[in-house]
Amino acid sequence: MGHWSDRRGSVVGLYGTLTLVSFGLTLGPPYGLWRWVYALPLFSFIRVNTRFTLLTLVGLAMLAAVGFDRIGARLSRRARITLATALGILLVV
């Protein structure tokens, strides 16, 4: 089994699709995909469209991680650690 970055394209496709679909569901009625939710099995119990926001954030986080991996692959180890630290501090602030 290879490194996960060898399969990065499928990861980007999966989380990109997850992000777009969950964002479409987050928009709610009358916009987006919300009007088809009750036609899907197991989705009819969801009454509030904002529950899909968490799924959208997970998809965005994974896409950001893939982007950081692509940028970090070109940097030295020390520069990668410095960049990760700076971005972590920026997120906290």
C-alpha atoms as a PDB file:
ATOM      1  CA  MET A   1       0.000   0.000   0.000  1.00  0.00           C
ATOM      2  CA  GLY A   2       1.448   3.354  -1.035  1.00  0.00           C
ATOM      3  CA  HIS A   3       1.552   6.715   0.653  1.00  0.00           C
ATOM      4  CA  TRP A   4      -1.784   8.527   0.811  1.00  0.00           C
ATOM      5  CA  SER A   5      -0.476  11.303  -1.442  1.00  0.00           C
ATOM      6  CA  ASP A   6      -0.236   8.702  -4.233  1.00  0.00           C
ATOM      7  CA  ARG A   7      -4.051   8.550  -4.132  1.00  0.00           C
ATOM      8  CA  ARG A   8      -4.518  12.286  -3.622  1.00  0.00           C
ATOM      9  CA  GLY A   9      -6.673  12.707  -6.727  1.00  0.00           C
ATOM     10  CA  SER A  10      -9.325  10.317  -5.457  1.00  0.00           C
ATOM     11  CA  VAL A  11      -9.237  11.994  -2.024  1.00  0.00           C
ATOM     12  CA  VAL A  12      -9.732  15.420  -3.604  1.00  0.00           C
ATOM     13  CA  GLY A  13     -12.598  14.096  -5.710  1.00  0.00           C
ATOM     14  CA  LEU A  14     -14.272  12.438  -2.729  1.00  0.00           C
ATOM     15  CA  TYR A  15     -14.003  15.386  -0.351  1.00  0.00           C
ATOM     16  CA  GLY A  16     -14.691  17.908  -3.110  1.00  0.00           C
ATOM     17  CA  THR A  17     -17.932  16.115  -3.924  1.00  0.00           C
ATOM     18  CA  LEU A  18     -18.783  15.782  -0.229  1.00  0.00           C
ATOM     19  CA  THR A  19     -18.212  19.508   0.269  1.00  0.00           C
ATOM     20  CA  LEU A  20     -20.285  20.561  -2.731  1.00  0.00           C
ATOM     21  CA  VAL A  21     -23.202  18.238  -1.987  1.00  0.00           C
ATOM     22  CA  SER A  22     -23.310  19.058   1.722  1.00  0.00           C
ATOM     23  CA  PHE A  23     -23.076  22.776   0.947  1.00  0.00           C
ATOM     24  CA  GLY A  24     -25.957  22.377  -1.489  1.00  0.00           C
ATOM     25  CA  LEU A  25     -27.959  20.712   1.276  1.00  0.00           C
ATOM     26  CA  THR A  26     -27.000  23.417   3.776  1.00  0.00           C
ATOM     27  CA  LEU A  27     -28.565  26.157   1.650  1.00  0.00           C
ATOM     28  CA  GLY A  28     -32.023  24.877   2.495  1.00  0.00           C
ATOM     29  CA  PRO A  29     -35.330  25.556   0.839  1.00  0.00           C
ATOM     30  CA  PRO A  30     -36.021  26.870  -1.758  1.00  0.00           C
ATOM     31  CA  TYR A  31     -32.362  26.783  -2.838  1.00  0.00           C
ATOM     32  CA  GLY A  32     -29.940  23.979  -3.403  1.00  0.00           C
ATOM     33  CA  LEU A  33     -30.577  20.290  -2.998  1.00  0.00           C
ATOM     34  CA  TRP A  34     -32.847  20.478   0.039  1.00  0.00           C
ATOM     35  CA  ARG A  35     -36.058  19.854  -1.927  1.00  0.00           C
ATOM     36  CA  TRP A  36     -34.853  16.292  -2.718  1.00  0.00           C
ATOM     37  CA  VAL A  37     -33.827  15.337   0.827  1.00  0.00           C
ATOM     38  CA  TYR A  38     -37.093  13.660   1.763  1.00  0.00           C
ATOM     39  CA  ALA A  39     -36.958  11.439  -1.314  1.00  0.00           C
ATOM     40  CA  LEU A  40     -33.720   9.841  -0.050  1.00  0.00           C
ATOM     41  CA  PRO A  41     -33.942   6.931   2.381  1.00  0.00           C
ATOM     42  CA  LEU A  42     -32.645   7.692   5.901  1.00  0.00           C
ATOM     43  CA  PHE A  43     -32.618  11.436   5.226  1.00  0.00           C
ATOM     44  CA  SER A  44     -36.292  12.030   5.927  1.00  0.00           C
ATOM     45  CA  PHE A  45     -35.617  12.368   9.667  1.00  0.00           C
ATOM     46  CA  ILE A  46     -33.431  15.445   9.159  1.00  0.00           C
ATOM     47  CA  ARG A  47     -35.576  18.504   9.836  1.00  0.00           C
ATOM     48  CA  VAL A  48     -32.948  21.260   9.900  1.00  0.00           C
ATOM     49  CA  ASN A  49     -30.755  21.953   6.882  1.00  0.00           C
ATOM     50  CA  THR A  50     -27.909  23.441   8.912  1.00  0.00           C
ATOM     51  CA  ARG A  51     -26.991  19.977  10.185  1.00  0.00           C
ATOM     52  CA  PHE A  52     -25.074  19.541   6.935  1.00  0.00           C
ATOM     53  CA  THR A  53     -22.791  22.460   7.849  1.00  0.00           C
ATOM     54  CA  LEU A  54     -20.550  20.178   9.888  1.00  0.00           C
ATOM     55  CA  LEU A  55     -20.136  17.868   6.906  1.00  0.00           C
ATOM     56  CA  THR A  56     -19.226  20.855   4.735  1.00  0.00           C
ATOM     57  CA  LEU A  57     -16.581  21.934   7.257  1.00  0.00           C
ATOM     58  CA  VAL A  58     -15.080  18.431   7.353  1.00  0.00           C
ATOM     59  CA  GLY A  59     -14.801  18.457   3.564  1.00  0.00           C
ATOM     60  CA  LEU A  60     -13.191  21.892   3.574  1.00  0.00           C
ATOM     61  CA  ALA A  61     -10.733  20.817   6.272  1.00  0.00           C
ATOM     62  CA  MET A  62      -9.665  17.797   4.250  1.00  0.00           C
ATOM     63  CA  LEU A  63      -9.256  19.878   1.098  1.00  0.00           C
ATOM     64  CA  ALA A  64      -7.148  22.360   3.081  1.00  0.00           C
ATOM     65  CA  ALA A  65      -5.007  19.480   4.353  1.00  0.00           C
ATOM     66  CA  VAL A  66      -4.438  18.225   0.802  1.00  0.00           C
ATOM     67  CA  GLY A  67      -3.517  21.757  -0.273  1.00  0.00           C
ATOM     68  CA  PHE A  68      -1.063  22.078   2.620  1.00  0.00           C
ATOM     69  CA  ASP A  69       0.433  18.711   1.680  1.00  0.00           C
ATOM     70  CA  ARG A  70       0.944  19.827  -1.911  1.00  0.00           C
ATOM     71  CA  ILE A  71       2.584  23.079  -0.840  1.00  0.00           C
ATOM     72  CA  GLY A  72       4.606  21.383   1.892  1.00  0.00           C
ATOM     73  CA  ALA A  73       5.956  18.718  -0.468  1.00  0.00           C
ATOM     74  CA  ARG A  74       8.095  21.375  -2.144  1.00  0.00           C
ATOM     75  CA  LEU A  75       9.444  22.783   1.123  1.00  0.00           C
ATOM     76  CA  SER A  76      12.187  21.559   3.403  1.00  0.00           C
ATOM     77  CA  ARG A  77      11.263  19.883   6.682  1.00  0.00           C
ATOM     78  CA  ARG A  78      12.137  22.984   8.696  1.00  0.00           C
ATOM     79  CA  ALA A  79      10.109  25.261   6.404  1.00  0.00           C
ATOM     80  CA  ARG A  80       7.142  22.856   6.595  1.00  0.00           C
ATOM     81  CA  ILE A  81       7.217  22.904  10.394  1.00  0.00           C
ATOM     82  CA  THR A  82       7.493  26.700  10.410  1.00  0.00           C
ATOM     83  CA  LEU A  83       4.582  27.034   7.980  1.00  0.00           C
ATOM     84  CA  ALA A  84       2.429  24.599   9.980  1.00  0.00           C
ATOM     85  CA  THR A  85       3.201  26.467  13.199  1.00  0.00           C
ATOM     86  CA  ALA A  86       2.426  29.860  11.635  1.00  0.00           C
ATOM     87  CA  LEU A  87      -0.865  28.600  10.184  1.00  0.00           C
ATOM     88  CA  GLY A  88      -1.809  26.986  13.496  1.00  0.00           C
ATOM     89  CA  ILE A  89      -1.185  30.246  15.352  1.00  0.00           C
ATOM     90  CA  LEU A  90      -3.160  32.141  12.703  1.00  0.00           C
ATOM     91  CA  LEU A  91      -6.105  29.764  13.143  1.00  0.00           C
ATOM     92  CA  VAL A  92      -6.075  30.225  16.899  1.00  0.00           C
ATOM     93  CA  VAL A  93      -5.938  34.025  16.597  1.00  0.00           C
END
